[in-house]
Amino acid sequence: MSNLKIYSEVFSESLGISESLCNDKLEYNGVEEWDSIGHMTLIAALEEKFKISIETDDIVDFSSYKKGREILQKYKVEF
C-alpha cells in the first residue's frame, strides 16, 4: 500500500470522516471533527503508523492535509 493511501486512511480513521474528504482542500477546523482533540489524535496516529516523532513546531504547523504531507517529507516519508 502506498504511503499516500496510508496517510489518507489515518486521516479518515483518526478524525472519523469519509476518506473522500481527505484531499488537498481539507484544512484544520475545516470539518467539525478536526478540532484540537482530533488534531492530537491524528498526530499520534501518524507518528505510530510511520514510526516517527513529530516536533512540536511541526505539530502546530500541520494545518492542512496538503501541509501535512510536506511536513512528513521532512521525516523521510515519501509520497
Protein backbone atom coordinates (compact mmCIF):
# COMPACT_ATOMS: atom_id res chain seq x y z
CA MET A 1 0.00 0.00 0.00
CA SER A 2 1.31 3.45 -0.88
CA ASN A 3 2.18 5.99 1.80
CA LEU A 4 -0.45 8.35 0.34
CA LYS A 5 -3.15 5.69 0.81
CA ILE A 6 -1.93 5.02 4.37
CA TYR A 7 -1.90 8.77 5.05
CA SER A 8 -5.50 9.14 3.85
CA GLU A 9 -6.64 6.14 5.88
CA VAL A 10 -5.02 7.54 9.05
CA PHE A 11 -6.83 10.85 8.48
CA SER A 12 -10.13 9.08 7.89
CA GLU A 13 -9.84 6.76 10.89
CA SER A 14 -8.40 9.34 13.31
CA LEU A 15 -10.96 12.00 12.54
CA GLY A 16 -13.88 9.69 11.85
CA ILE A 17 -14.53 11.18 8.42
CA SER A 18 -15.01 9.71 4.97
CA GLU A 19 -11.80 9.04 3.09
CA SER A 20 -13.33 11.01 0.19
CA LEU A 21 -12.88 14.18 2.31
CA CYS A 22 -9.14 13.51 2.60
CA ASN A 23 -7.77 15.74 -0.14
CA ASP A 24 -5.78 18.95 -0.57
CA LYS A 25 -8.84 21.07 0.33
CA LEU A 26 -9.08 19.61 3.85
CA GLU A 27 -7.88 22.06 6.49
CA TYR A 28 -7.71 22.22 10.28
CA ASN A 29 -11.17 23.22 11.59
CA GLY A 30 -12.46 22.75 8.03
CA VAL A 31 -14.55 19.87 9.32
CA GLU A 32 -16.05 19.66 12.79
CA GLU A 33 -14.04 16.53 13.60
CA TRP A 34 -10.66 18.21 13.04
CA ASP A 35 -10.57 20.26 16.21
CA SER A 36 -7.76 20.39 18.78
CA ILE A 37 -8.58 16.93 20.17
CA GLY A 38 -8.89 15.46 16.67
CA HIS A 39 -5.59 17.10 15.77
CA MET A 40 -3.67 15.39 18.56
CA THR A 41 -5.37 12.05 17.78
CA LEU A 42 -4.31 12.45 14.16
CA ILE A 43 -0.72 13.37 15.04
CA ALA A 44 -0.39 10.40 17.41
CA ALA A 45 -1.76 8.03 14.76
CA LEU A 46 0.60 9.38 12.09
CA GLU A 47 3.59 9.03 14.43
CA GLU A 48 2.64 5.45 15.20
CA LYS A 49 1.87 4.44 11.62
CA PHE A 50 5.02 5.97 10.10
CA LYS A 51 7.28 5.26 13.12
CA ILE A 52 8.31 8.91 13.52
CA SER A 53 8.25 11.56 16.23
CA ILE A 54 6.90 14.89 15.01
CA GLU A 55 8.43 18.01 16.55
CA THR A 56 6.17 20.49 18.36
CA ASP A 57 6.69 23.24 15.76
CA ASP A 58 5.61 20.83 13.03
CA ILE A 59 2.53 19.75 15.02
CA VAL A 60 1.49 23.41 15.27
CA ASP A 61 2.30 23.98 11.57
CA PHE A 62 0.26 20.90 10.49
CA SER A 63 -2.69 23.00 9.28
CA SER A 64 -4.00 21.03 6.32
CA TYR A 65 -3.92 17.69 4.56
CA LYS A 66 -1.53 19.16 1.98
CA LYS A 67 0.75 20.83 4.56
CA GLY A 68 0.87 17.56 6.50
CA ARG A 69 2.38 15.75 3.51
CA GLU A 70 5.05 18.45 3.22
CA ILE A 71 5.87 18.13 6.93
CA LEU A 72 6.05 14.32 6.84
CA GLN A 73 8.53 14.51 3.97
CA LYS A 74 10.94 16.15 6.43
CA TYR A 75 10.74 12.87 8.36
CA LYS A 76 11.62 10.82 5.25
CA VAL A 77 8.02 9.79 4.49
CA GLU A 78 7.79 9.73 0.69
CA PHE A 79 4.54 10.32 -1.20
